Amino acid sequence: MSTPPDGLPVYRVLTGPDDAAFCRRVSEALALGYRLHEGPAVTFDGDRVVVAQAVVWPDES
């Protein structure tokens, strides 16, 4: 497949608290065919750890 399914963008940034739901969202993107773009960004908002992970659709050219 040369484009992401369901009209999803080629580049996505997934964000959220560092919990099982966030990990599932990243895992689902990988299962669709996205690839990780570099490592995650992690911060602490005073209450919890928040993570951002960029994913990209592979260029098949």
Protein backbone atom coordinates (compact mmCIF):
# COMPACT_ATOMS: atom_id res chain seq x y z
CA MET A 1 0.00 0.00 0.00
CA SER A 2 1.52 3.33 -1.05
CA THR A 3 -0.66 5.55 1.14
CA PRO A 4 -1.94 5.15 4.70
CA PRO A 5 -5.35 3.53 5.12
CA ASP A 6 -8.58 5.36 5.98
CA GLY A 7 -7.29 8.73 4.74
CA LEU A 8 -4.75 8.97 7.57
CA PRO A 9 -1.84 11.39 7.05
CA VAL A 10 1.66 10.23 6.11
CA TYR A 11 3.10 11.88 9.24
CA ARG A 12 1.46 11.61 12.63
CA VAL A 13 2.41 12.61 16.17
CA LEU A 14 0.76 10.52 18.84
CA THR A 15 0.66 12.09 22.31
CA GLY A 16 -0.70 11.24 25.69
CA PRO A 17 0.04 10.04 29.20
CA ASP A 18 2.60 7.24 29.38
CA ASP A 19 0.10 4.45 29.95
CA ALA A 20 -1.20 1.27 28.34
CA ALA A 21 -3.67 3.20 26.15
CA PHE A 22 -0.85 5.28 24.64
CA CYS A 23 1.23 2.15 24.02
CA ARG A 24 -1.76 0.52 22.29
CA ARG A 25 -2.19 3.56 20.00
CA VAL A 26 1.46 3.39 18.95
CA SER A 27 1.22 -0.39 18.50
CA GLU A 28 -1.90 0.02 16.35
CA ALA A 29 -0.11 2.55 14.12
CA LEU A 30 2.81 0.14 13.71
CA ALA A 31 0.43 -2.71 12.87
CA LEU A 32 -1.12 -0.52 10.14
CA GLY A 33 2.32 -0.12 8.56
CA TYR A 34 3.65 3.12 10.07
CA ARG A 35 7.28 3.25 11.22
CA LEU A 36 8.67 5.06 14.24
CA HIS A 37 10.33 8.37 13.43
CA GLU A 38 13.20 8.69 15.88
CA GLY A 39 12.64 8.14 19.58
CA PRO A 40 9.84 9.49 21.74
CA ALA A 41 9.80 12.83 23.52
CA VAL A 42 8.99 12.56 27.23
CA THR A 43 8.08 15.25 29.73
CA PHE A 44 6.50 15.56 33.15
CA ASP A 45 3.55 17.93 33.49
CA GLY A 46 3.61 18.09 37.28
CA ASP A 47 1.19 15.20 37.68
CA ARG A 48 2.18 12.55 35.14
CA VAL A 49 4.63 11.58 32.44
CA VAL A 50 3.46 12.64 28.96
CA VAL A 51 4.89 11.09 25.81
CA ALA A 52 4.94 12.11 22.12
CA GLN A 53 5.90 9.66 19.38
CA ALA A 54 6.08 10.56 15.70
CA VAL A 55 5.25 7.88 13.16
CA VAL A 56 5.64 8.06 9.39
CA TRP A 57 4.27 6.07 6.50
CA PRO A 58 7.18 4.36 4.70
CA ASP A 59 8.22 5.82 1.36
CA GLU A 60 7.99 2.99 -1.15
CA SER A 61 9.76 4.76 -4.02
